[in-house]
Amino acid sequence: MNREVYWGTICWDGYDEHTEGEYTITRYSLADLLEGIEYYMEYFKERYPYVESASRDIDNIETDITIIAQEFIKNKTEEINGKQYV
C-alpha cells in the first residue's frame, strides 16, 4: 500500500536564536499541504516567513517539491494586492 506524506517547513529570520524560527507541517495530500502553507504564511506574516522546504514521501522515497510550494505562495501573493510573503 502506498502511503503519501507531504512535509513543508516555513522559516523566518531573526537577530539571534530567540527571534528566528521555523514551523513544519505534515499533510496527506499536496492540496492540503499547500493550503496549510498558505494558512501558516498568513499566521506568521509579522515575522516575514518564507517557504524553506517541502517534500513528498511515498513508501520512504522522498521527492523535493520545494519549488512547487514556493511558486504556489508566489502566485497567491501576486493575487493579493500589496501583501508580500516571499
N, C-alpha and C. Protein backbone atom coordinates (compact mmCIF):
# COMPACT_ATOMS: atom_id res chain seq x y z
N MET A 1 0.84 -1.18 0.00
CA MET A 1 0.00 0.00 0.00
C MET A 1 0.88 1.24 0.00
N ASN A 2 0.61 2.15 -0.92
CA ASN A 2 1.36 3.39 -1.00
C ASN A 2 0.82 4.40 0.01
N ARG A 3 1.71 4.91 0.82
CA ARG A 3 1.35 5.91 1.81
C ARG A 3 2.06 7.21 1.46
N GLU A 4 1.30 8.23 1.09
CA GLU A 4 1.88 9.52 0.75
C GLU A 4 1.84 10.44 1.95
N VAL A 5 2.96 11.09 2.21
CA VAL A 5 3.05 12.09 3.27
C VAL A 5 3.76 13.30 2.68
N TYR A 6 3.21 14.47 2.94
CA TYR A 6 3.79 15.73 2.45
C TYR A 6 4.26 16.55 3.64
N TRP A 7 5.44 17.15 3.51
CA TRP A 7 6.04 17.96 4.56
C TRP A 7 6.34 19.35 4.01
N GLY A 8 6.14 20.36 4.82
CA GLY A 8 6.52 21.71 4.43
C GLY A 8 7.07 22.45 5.64
N THR A 9 8.15 23.21 5.43
CA THR A 9 8.75 23.97 6.52
C THR A 9 8.77 25.45 6.14
N ILE A 10 8.22 26.25 7.03
CA ILE A 10 8.18 27.71 6.90
C ILE A 10 9.19 28.26 7.90
N CYS A 11 10.03 29.18 7.46
CA CYS A 11 11.05 29.76 8.34
C CYS A 11 10.92 31.28 8.36
N TRP A 12 11.53 31.87 9.37
CA TRP A 12 11.67 33.32 9.43
C TRP A 12 13.01 33.63 10.08
N ASP A 13 13.60 34.70 9.62
CA ASP A 13 14.91 35.11 10.13
C ASP A 13 14.74 35.98 11.37
N GLY A 14 15.80 36.06 12.14
CA GLY A 14 15.81 36.89 13.33
C GLY A 14 17.22 37.36 13.61
N TYR A 15 17.35 38.04 14.70
CA TYR A 15 18.66 38.57 15.09
C TYR A 15 19.50 37.54 15.85
N ASP A 16 18.82 36.56 16.45
CA ASP A 16 19.52 35.52 17.20
C ASP A 16 18.61 34.30 17.28
N GLU A 17 19.05 33.28 18.02
CA GLU A 17 18.27 32.04 18.11
C GLU A 17 16.92 32.22 18.81
N HIS A 18 16.74 33.34 19.50
CA HIS A 18 15.48 33.59 20.18
C HIS A 18 14.43 34.24 19.29
N THR A 19 14.87 34.83 18.18
CA THR A 19 13.92 35.52 17.30
C THR A 19 13.77 34.85 15.94
N GLU A 20 14.66 33.94 15.59
CA GLU A 20 14.49 33.20 14.35
C GLU A 20 13.74 31.92 14.65
N GLY A 21 13.13 31.35 13.61
CA GLY A 21 12.39 30.12 13.89
C GLY A 21 11.90 29.44 12.64
N GLU A 22 11.18 28.36 12.87
CA GLU A 22 10.61 27.57 11.79
C GLU A 22 9.40 26.84 12.29
N TYR A 23 8.55 26.43 11.34
CA TYR A 23 7.37 25.67 11.66
C TYR A 23 7.18 24.64 10.55
N THR A 24 7.07 23.38 10.90
CA THR A 24 6.91 22.31 9.92
C THR A 24 5.51 21.72 10.03
N ILE A 25 4.90 21.52 8.87
CA ILE A 25 3.57 20.91 8.84
C ILE A 25 3.63 19.62 8.04
N THR A 26 2.71 18.72 8.36
CA THR A 26 2.60 17.43 7.68
C THR A 26 1.16 17.27 7.21
N ARG A 27 1.00 16.87 5.97
CA ARG A 27 -0.33 16.63 5.41
C ARG A 27 -0.28 15.37 4.54
N TYR A 28 -1.45 14.88 4.15
CA TYR A 28 -1.52 13.64 3.38
C TYR A 28 -1.92 13.85 1.92
N SER A 29 -1.94 15.10 1.47
CA SER A 29 -2.14 15.39 0.05
C SER A 29 -1.43 16.70 -0.27
N LEU A 30 -1.08 16.87 -1.53
CA LEU A 30 -0.41 18.10 -1.94
C LEU A 30 -1.33 19.30 -1.75
N ALA A 31 -2.60 19.15 -2.10
CA ALA A 31 -3.54 20.26 -1.94
C ALA A 31 -3.64 20.69 -0.48
N ASP A 32 -3.70 19.73 0.43
CA ASP A 32 -3.76 20.06 1.86
C ASP A 32 -2.47 20.72 2.34
N LEU A 33 -1.33 20.26 1.82
CA LEU A 33 -0.06 20.87 2.20
C LEU A 33 -0.02 22.33 1.76
N LEU A 34 -0.38 22.60 0.52
CA LEU A 34 -0.35 23.97 0.02
C LEU A 34 -1.32 24.86 0.77
N GLU A 35 -2.48 24.33 1.10
CA GLU A 35 -3.44 25.08 1.90
C GLU A 35 -2.87 25.38 3.29
N GLY A 36 -2.20 24.40 3.88
CA GLY A 36 -1.59 24.59 5.20
C GLY A 36 -0.45 25.60 5.16
N ILE A 37 0.37 25.54 4.13
CA ILE A 37 1.45 26.51 3.99
C ILE A 37 0.87 27.91 3.85
N GLU A 38 -0.14 28.04 3.04
CA GLU A 38 -0.78 29.36 2.87
C GLU A 38 -1.32 29.87 4.21
N TYR A 39 -1.96 29.01 4.97
CA TYR A 39 -2.50 29.40 6.27
C TYR A 39 -1.39 29.88 7.21
N TYR A 40 -0.31 29.10 7.32
CA TYR A 40 0.75 29.47 8.26
C TYR A 40 1.59 30.64 7.78
N MET A 41 1.67 30.86 6.47
CA MET A 41 2.33 32.08 5.98
C MET A 41 1.55 33.30 6.46
N GLU A 42 0.24 33.21 6.44
CA GLU A 42 -0.59 34.31 6.94
C GLU A 42 -0.48 34.40 8.47
N TYR A 43 -0.51 33.28 9.15
CA TYR A 43 -0.44 33.24 10.60
C TYR A 43 0.84 33.89 11.13
N PHE A 44 1.96 33.61 10.45
CA PHE A 44 3.26 34.14 10.88
C PHE A 44 3.69 35.38 10.08
N LYS A 45 2.77 36.05 9.40
CA LYS A 45 3.14 37.12 8.48
C LYS A 45 3.96 38.24 9.12
N GLU A 46 3.75 38.52 10.38
CA GLU A 46 4.50 39.59 11.04
C GLU A 46 5.97 39.23 11.23
N ARG A 47 6.30 37.97 11.03
CA ARG A 47 7.69 37.52 11.14
C ARG A 47 8.37 37.42 9.77
N TYR A 48 7.66 37.78 8.71
CA TYR A 48 8.17 37.72 7.33
C TYR A 48 8.65 36.32 6.98
N PRO A 49 7.74 35.36 7.00
CA PRO A 49 8.12 33.97 6.73
C PRO A 49 8.40 33.70 5.26
N TYR A 50 9.07 32.60 5.02
CA TYR A 50 9.31 32.12 3.67
C TYR A 50 9.28 30.60 3.69
N VAL A 51 9.01 30.00 2.53
CA VAL A 51 9.00 28.54 2.42
C VAL A 51 10.44 28.07 2.29
N GLU A 52 10.90 27.35 3.29
CA GLU A 52 12.28 26.84 3.30
C GLU A 52 12.38 25.55 2.50
N SER A 53 11.43 24.64 2.71
CA SER A 53 11.49 23.36 2.02
C SER A 53 10.13 22.69 2.02
N ALA A 54 9.98 21.75 1.09
CA ALA A 54 8.78 20.93 1.02
C ALA A 54 9.18 19.61 0.36
N SER A 55 8.53 18.55 0.76
CA SER A 55 8.85 17.25 0.17
C SER A 55 7.64 16.32 0.21
N ARG A 56 7.73 15.31 -0.64
CA ARG A 56 6.71 14.26 -0.70
C ARG A 56 7.41 12.95 -0.42
N ASP A 57 6.83 12.15 0.44
CA ASP A 57 7.39 10.85 0.79
C ASP A 57 6.35 9.78 0.46
N ILE A 58 6.71 8.90 -0.46
CA ILE A 58 5.85 7.77 -0.80
C ILE A 58 6.64 6.51 -0.51
N ASP A 59 6.18 5.75 0.46
CA ASP A 59 6.85 4.50 0.84
C ASP A 59 8.36 4.71 1.06
N ASN A 60 8.70 5.75 1.82
CA ASN A 60 10.08 6.08 2.18
C ASN A 60 10.96 6.54 1.02
N ILE A 61 10.34 6.93 -0.09
CA ILE A 61 11.08 7.54 -1.20
C ILE A 61 10.70 9.02 -1.22
N GLU A 62 11.68 9.86 -0.93
CA GLU A 62 11.42 11.29 -0.77
C GLU A 62 11.69 12.05 -2.07
N THR A 63 10.80 12.99 -2.38
CA THR A 63 10.94 13.85 -3.55
C THR A 63 10.86 15.30 -3.10
N ASP A 64 11.80 16.11 -3.52
CA ASP A 64 11.81 17.53 -3.18
C ASP A 64 10.76 18.26 -4.02
N ILE A 65 9.82 18.90 -3.37
CA ILE A 65 8.79 19.68 -4.06
C ILE A 65 8.80 21.13 -3.58
N THR A 66 9.95 21.58 -3.11
CA THR A 66 10.06 22.94 -2.59
C THR A 66 9.64 23.97 -3.62
N ILE A 67 10.09 23.83 -4.86
CA ILE A 67 9.77 24.81 -5.89
C ILE A 67 8.27 24.91 -6.13
N ILE A 68 7.56 23.80 -6.01
CA ILE A 68 6.10 23.81 -6.18
C ILE A 68 5.46 24.67 -5.10
N ALA A 69 5.88 24.46 -3.86
CA ALA A 69 5.32 25.23 -2.74
C ALA A 69 5.68 26.71 -2.86
N GLN A 70 6.93 27.01 -3.22
CA GLN A 70 7.35 28.41 -3.34
C GLN A 70 6.60 29.11 -4.46
N GLU A 71 6.42 28.46 -5.59
CA GLU A 71 5.68 29.06 -6.70
C GLU A 71 4.21 29.25 -6.35
N PHE A 72 3.64 28.31 -5.63
CA PHE A 72 2.24 28.43 -5.19
C PHE A 72 2.08 29.69 -4.35
N ILE A 73 2.96 29.88 -3.37
CA ILE A 73 2.88 31.06 -2.50
C ILE A 73 3.14 32.33 -3.30
N LYS A 74 4.10 32.29 -4.19
CA LYS A 74 4.38 33.46 -5.03
C LYS A 74 3.15 33.85 -5.84
N ASN A 75 2.50 32.88 -6.45
CA ASN A 75 1.30 33.17 -7.25
C ASN A 75 0.15 33.67 -6.38
N LYS A 76 0.01 33.12 -5.19
CA LYS A 76 -1.04 33.58 -4.27
C LYS A 76 -0.81 35.03 -3.86
N THR A 77 0.45 35.38 -3.57
CA THR A 77 0.72 36.73 -3.11
C THR A 77 0.56 37.74 -4.24
N GLU A 78 0.76 37.31 -5.47
CA GLU A 78 0.53 38.22 -6.60
C GLU A 78 -0.96 38.49 -6.78
N GLU A 79 -1.81 37.57 -6.32
CA GLU A 79 -3.25 37.75 -6.42
C GLU A 79 -3.77 38.75 -5.38
N ILE A 80 -3.04 38.87 -4.28
CA ILE A 80 -3.47 39.74 -3.17
C ILE A 80 -2.70 41.05 -3.27
N ASN A 81 -3.39 42.13 -3.50
CA ASN A 81 -2.72 43.43 -3.67
C ASN A 81 -1.98 43.85 -2.42
N GLY A 82 -0.70 44.16 -2.60
CA GLY A 82 0.10 44.72 -1.53
C GLY A 82 0.68 43.77 -0.52
N LYS A 83 0.27 42.52 -0.46
CA LYS A 83 0.82 41.59 0.51
C LYS A 83 2.00 40.85 -0.11
N GLN A 84 3.10 40.81 0.61
CA GLN A 84 4.27 40.09 0.17
C GLN A 84 4.77 39.19 1.29
N TYR A 85 4.91 37.89 0.99
CA TYR A 85 5.43 36.95 1.96
C TYR A 85 6.84 36.53 1.60
N VAL A 86 7.11 36.44 0.31
CA VAL A 86 8.37 35.88 -0.16
C VAL A 86 9.36 36.98 -0.45
